[in-house]
Amino acid sequence: MNLPRTLSMSVIAATIALTMSSLPAQAATLSPPVVADAYSVMLTASQAQALGVKKHYLADFSIASATKGTPDGLWLCELTGGTGIEGQGAGRLLTSAFGDLSLYLQFEVDQKIHWYANEQSAKKAYNAIVKQLKMCVGQQMGDATEVSGETTVGVPALLTNGTKKSKDGDEFLWISSKTIDADATSSLSDYDYTTVRTFGNFIQVMDIQAEGLDAKPFTKKQIATLDKMTDSLGDAWQAKFM
């Protein structure tokens, strides 16, 4: 399982946890009004529910920064052997995530904004992601596993990727990971769909994930809805910060 994508179990259901960790110089740019503006244009509970999150959910809104590098890389996919393909994240990371966790199923939706120092840095990171994405293809031993005794066996997943355009012409990347050949009654299945979009000094990542014994492939409607949100939420962020 790719832990950076999972919601914290310490988050209380139906509440919002706000955490800030930054340098004094960075804190000046993330003042309460800026945080409020960011929160106002990020993924909401109703939008997450439109993608499949249940009425009773876990919620997490967080802001993190690193003195050097990034608080979290930009996750793309996992290859056979546990090799993770990850883009260069920004020094600041804003996350709005919603999900429901049960004994047999974990379902999550999140939006992440990687806030780079300048537009050149964001564009450089995005161009590198375009190249890295070419590796996220074909059958791989995915992160869903079944355990037999002390042996952990990887479950094969099919990776695909590409580029899409919204109705207004905004372009974004997409990555899909689908468990294949898994016995849903005795082993875990994992389905993941991610979009990546850049504008100004930001890269937006949106992700929907279903993992567990009851996990099912995403419907065309769910995929289309996430694609539309990739455009609308990105446009809202641009209007507020650019």
Protein backbone atom coordinates (compact mmCIF):
# COMPACT_ATOMS: atom_id res chain seq x y z
CA MET A 1 0.00 0.00 0.00
CA ASN A 2 1.29 3.48 -0.77
CA LEU A 3 1.07 5.02 2.67
CA PRO A 4 1.44 8.70 1.66
CA ARG A 5 -1.92 8.46 -0.08
CA THR A 6 -3.81 7.05 2.91
CA LEU A 7 -5.82 9.07 5.39
CA SER A 8 -4.64 9.29 8.97
CA MET A 9 -6.58 7.04 11.34
CA SER A 10 -6.28 9.76 13.96
CA VAL A 11 -8.58 12.05 12.03
CA ILE A 12 -12.03 12.19 13.65
CA ALA A 13 -14.88 11.38 11.29
CA ALA A 14 -16.69 14.34 9.75
CA THR A 15 -14.15 16.86 11.06
CA ILE A 16 -11.37 18.84 9.46
CA ALA A 17 -7.85 18.71 10.83
CA LEU A 18 -5.63 21.63 9.94
CA THR A 19 -1.90 21.24 10.46
CA MET A 20 0.77 23.74 9.54
CA SER A 21 4.53 23.23 9.59
CA SER A 22 6.63 25.92 7.93
CA LEU A 23 9.58 28.22 8.16
CA PRO A 24 8.99 31.78 9.39
CA ALA A 25 9.55 33.14 5.90
CA GLN A 26 7.07 30.64 4.47
CA ALA A 27 4.51 31.31 7.16
CA ALA A 28 4.22 34.89 5.91
CA THR A 29 2.83 33.61 2.60
CA LEU A 30 0.50 31.16 4.33
CA SER A 31 -1.21 33.62 6.63
CA PRO A 32 -4.73 32.81 7.89
CA PRO A 33 -6.36 34.72 5.00
CA VAL A 34 -4.29 32.74 2.48
CA VAL A 35 -5.18 29.47 4.20
CA ALA A 36 -8.85 30.46 4.16
CA ASP A 37 -8.65 31.26 0.45
CA ALA A 38 -7.01 27.89 -0.23
CA TYR A 39 -9.61 26.01 1.78
CA SER A 40 -12.44 27.78 -0.08
CA VAL A 41 -11.37 26.42 -3.47
CA MET A 42 -10.32 22.88 -2.59
CA LEU A 43 -12.18 19.56 -2.67
CA THR A 44 -15.34 19.55 -0.55
CA ALA A 45 -17.30 16.79 1.16
CA SER A 46 -20.17 17.04 -1.33
CA GLN A 47 -17.75 16.69 -4.25
CA ALA A 48 -16.11 13.67 -2.63
CA GLN A 49 -19.53 12.12 -2.07
CA ALA A 50 -20.33 12.64 -5.76
CA LEU A 51 -17.36 10.35 -6.41
CA GLY A 52 -18.53 7.64 -4.01
CA VAL A 53 -17.51 8.64 -0.48
CA LYS A 54 -20.26 7.69 1.98
CA LYS A 55 -22.34 10.04 4.14
CA HIS A 56 -20.21 9.30 7.21
CA TYR A 57 -16.60 9.99 6.27
CA LEU A 58 -13.12 10.88 7.42
CA ALA A 59 -11.88 14.34 6.42
CA ASP A 60 -8.42 15.86 6.37
CA PHE A 61 -7.36 19.36 5.30
CA SER A 62 -3.65 19.94 5.86
CA ILE A 63 -0.80 22.23 4.92
CA ALA A 64 2.80 21.07 5.18
CA SER A 65 6.15 22.46 4.13
CA ALA A 66 9.77 21.37 4.17
CA THR A 67 12.90 23.35 4.97
CA LYS A 68 14.56 21.50 2.10
CA GLY A 69 13.04 19.40 -0.67
CA THR A 70 9.38 18.46 -0.25
CA PRO A 71 7.18 17.14 2.57
CA ASP A 72 5.87 14.48 0.18
CA GLY A 73 6.72 13.37 -3.35
CA LEU A 74 4.25 13.40 -6.20
CA TRP A 75 3.13 9.75 -6.39
CA LEU A 76 2.45 8.30 -9.85
CA CYS A 77 2.48 4.48 -9.73
CA GLU A 78 4.16 1.34 -8.42
CA LEU A 79 6.05 -1.14 -10.59
CA THR A 80 6.92 -4.79 -10.06
CA GLY A 81 9.33 -5.25 -7.20
CA GLY A 82 7.89 -2.36 -5.22
CA THR A 83 9.57 0.34 -7.30
CA GLY A 84 7.63 3.55 -6.86
CA ILE A 85 7.51 6.16 -9.61
CA GLU A 86 7.35 9.55 -7.95
CA GLY A 87 7.66 13.09 -9.29
CA GLN A 88 9.40 15.97 -7.54
CA GLY A 89 7.00 17.54 -5.10
CA ALA A 90 7.04 21.18 -4.06
CA GLY A 91 8.25 22.80 -0.86
CA ARG A 92 4.65 23.39 0.17
CA LEU A 93 1.84 20.87 -0.05
CA LEU A 94 -1.87 21.46 0.55
CA THR A 95 -4.20 18.47 0.83
CA SER A 96 -7.96 18.06 1.01
CA ALA A 97 -8.96 14.42 1.46
CA PHE A 98 -12.10 12.46 2.24
CA GLY A 99 -12.70 8.76 2.68
CA ASP A 100 -14.42 5.95 4.45
CA LEU A 101 -12.69 3.04 6.10
CA SER A 102 -14.32 -0.22 7.04
CA LEU A 103 -13.04 -3.67 7.97
CA TYR A 104 -13.07 -4.80 4.35
CA LEU A 105 -12.88 -1.66 2.22
CA GLN A 106 -10.94 1.59 2.10
CA PHE A 107 -12.27 4.28 -0.25
CA GLU A 108 -10.56 7.66 -0.60
CA VAL A 109 -10.69 10.82 -2.71
CA ASP A 110 -8.13 13.58 -2.42
CA GLN A 111 -6.85 16.74 -4.03
CA LYS A 112 -3.27 17.86 -3.53
CA ILE A 113 -1.74 21.18 -4.54
CA HIS A 114 2.05 21.24 -4.82
CA TRP A 115 3.06 24.90 -4.44
CA TYR A 116 6.46 25.52 -6.05
CA ALA A 117 8.72 28.51 -5.54
CA ASN A 118 8.06 29.78 -9.06
CA GLU A 119 6.45 28.84 -12.37
CA GLN A 120 9.76 27.61 -13.82
CA SER A 121 10.16 25.07 -11.00
CA ALA A 122 6.60 23.82 -11.47
CA LYS A 123 7.05 23.49 -15.23
CA LYS A 124 10.34 21.61 -14.78
CA ALA A 125 8.72 19.17 -12.35
CA TYR A 126 5.73 18.68 -14.66
CA ASN A 127 7.90 18.03 -17.74
CA ALA A 128 9.78 15.38 -15.77
CA ILE A 129 6.47 13.79 -14.75
CA VAL A 130 5.41 13.58 -18.40
CA LYS A 131 8.52 11.46 -19.06
CA GLN A 132 8.20 9.38 -15.87
CA LEU A 133 4.59 8.58 -16.65
CA LYS A 134 5.67 6.48 -19.64
CA MET A 135 6.92 3.87 -17.15
CA CYS A 136 3.44 3.49 -15.62
CA VAL A 137 2.24 0.97 -18.16
CA GLY A 138 1.61 -2.76 -18.51
CA GLN A 139 1.12 -5.53 -15.99
CA GLN A 140 2.90 -4.97 -12.69
CA MET A 141 2.80 -6.64 -9.29
CA GLY A 142 0.63 -4.03 -7.58
CA ASP A 143 0.46 -2.90 -3.96
CA ALA A 144 -2.60 -4.99 -3.05
CA THR A 145 -1.43 -8.25 -1.45
CA GLU A 146 -2.71 -11.52 -0.09
CA VAL A 147 -0.94 -13.19 2.81
CA SER A 148 -0.48 -16.95 3.09
CA GLY A 149 1.22 -17.93 6.32
CA GLU A 150 4.34 -15.78 6.43
CA THR A 151 4.45 -15.27 2.66
CA THR A 152 3.13 -12.06 1.13
CA VAL A 153 2.12 -12.47 -2.49
CA GLY A 154 1.75 -9.49 -4.82
CA VAL A 155 -1.47 -9.18 -6.82
CA PRO A 156 -0.96 -8.23 -10.49
CA ALA A 157 -2.22 -4.83 -11.60
CA LEU A 158 -2.62 -3.29 -15.04
CA LEU A 159 -1.25 0.25 -15.42
CA THR A 160 -2.35 2.63 -18.17
CA ASN A 161 -1.83 6.35 -18.66
CA GLY A 162 -2.41 9.16 -21.10
CA THR A 163 -3.40 12.78 -21.66
CA LYS A 164 -6.87 14.33 -21.73
CA LYS A 165 -8.33 17.75 -22.42
CA SER A 166 -11.31 19.34 -20.72
CA LYS A 167 -14.03 21.08 -22.70
CA ASP A 168 -12.32 24.44 -22.21
CA GLY A 169 -9.04 23.06 -23.56
CA ASP A 170 -7.12 22.58 -20.29
CA GLU A 171 -4.80 19.58 -20.57
CA PHE A 172 -4.04 17.08 -17.83
CA LEU A 173 -2.34 13.71 -17.39
CA TRP A 174 -4.03 10.58 -16.05
CA ILE A 175 -2.85 7.28 -14.58
CA SER A 176 -4.97 4.20 -13.89
CA SER A 177 -4.10 1.11 -11.86
CA LYS A 178 -6.49 -1.87 -11.88
CA THR A 179 -6.08 -5.15 -10.02
CA ILE A 180 -6.41 -8.14 -12.32
CA ASP A 181 -6.75 -11.87 -11.66
CA ALA A 182 -7.62 -11.35 -8.00
CA ASP A 183 -10.03 -13.58 -6.10
CA ALA A 184 -12.30 -10.96 -4.52
CA THR A 185 -13.48 -13.40 -1.87
CA SER A 186 -10.03 -14.11 -0.43
CA SER A 187 -7.59 -11.42 -1.56
CA LEU A 188 -7.32 -7.67 -1.76
CA SER A 189 -8.15 -5.68 -4.87
CA ASP A 190 -6.89 -2.16 -5.49
CA TYR A 191 -8.17 0.38 -8.01
CA ASP A 192 -6.61 3.80 -8.44
CA TYR A 193 -7.22 6.69 -10.84
CA THR A 194 -5.08 9.83 -10.70
CA THR A 195 -4.96 13.09 -12.65
CA VAL A 196 -2.10 15.60 -12.79
CA ARG A 197 -2.47 19.19 -13.98
CA THR A 198 -0.18 22.23 -13.85
CA PHE A 199 -0.83 25.97 -13.88
CA GLY A 200 1.44 28.81 -12.76
CA ASN A 201 3.69 27.64 -9.92
CA PHE A 202 1.32 24.84 -8.97
CA ILE A 203 0.78 21.19 -9.80
CA GLN A 204 -2.60 19.74 -8.85
CA VAL A 205 -3.00 16.01 -8.24
CA MET A 206 -6.40 14.40 -7.80
CA ASP A 207 -6.82 10.76 -6.85
CA ILE A 208 -9.57 8.25 -6.21
CA GLN A 209 -8.71 4.88 -4.65
CA ALA A 210 -10.67 1.80 -3.64
CA GLU A 211 -8.86 -1.03 -1.86
CA GLY A 212 -10.07 -4.14 -0.06
CA LEU A 213 -12.15 -7.29 -0.40
CA ASP A 214 -15.17 -5.32 -1.59
CA ALA A 215 -13.28 -3.00 -3.94
CA LYS A 216 -14.79 -2.62 -7.40
CA PRO A 217 -13.46 -1.01 -10.59
CA PHE A 218 -14.48 2.61 -11.04
CA THR A 219 -17.42 3.33 -13.30
CA LYS A 220 -17.22 5.55 -16.37
CA LYS A 221 -19.27 8.10 -14.45
CA GLN A 222 -16.78 8.21 -11.57
CA ILE A 223 -13.88 8.69 -13.97
CA ALA A 224 -15.74 11.41 -15.88
CA THR A 225 -16.66 13.15 -12.63
CA LEU A 226 -13.06 13.21 -11.42
CA ASP A 227 -11.94 14.52 -14.82
CA LYS A 228 -14.46 17.37 -14.56
CA MET A 229 -13.33 18.18 -11.02
CA THR A 230 -9.72 18.21 -12.20
CA ASP A 231 -10.75 21.06 -14.49
CA SER A 232 -13.19 22.92 -12.24
CA LEU A 233 -11.10 22.80 -9.07
CA GLY A 234 -7.97 23.72 -11.00
CA ASP A 235 -9.79 26.66 -12.58
CA ALA A 236 -11.04 27.77 -9.15
CA TRP A 237 -7.51 27.65 -7.77
CA GLN A 238 -6.20 29.68 -10.71
CA ALA A 239 -8.90 32.30 -10.26
CA LYS A 240 -8.00 32.66 -6.57
CA PHE A 241 -4.19 32.58 -6.72
CA MET A 242 -3.14 33.64 -10.22
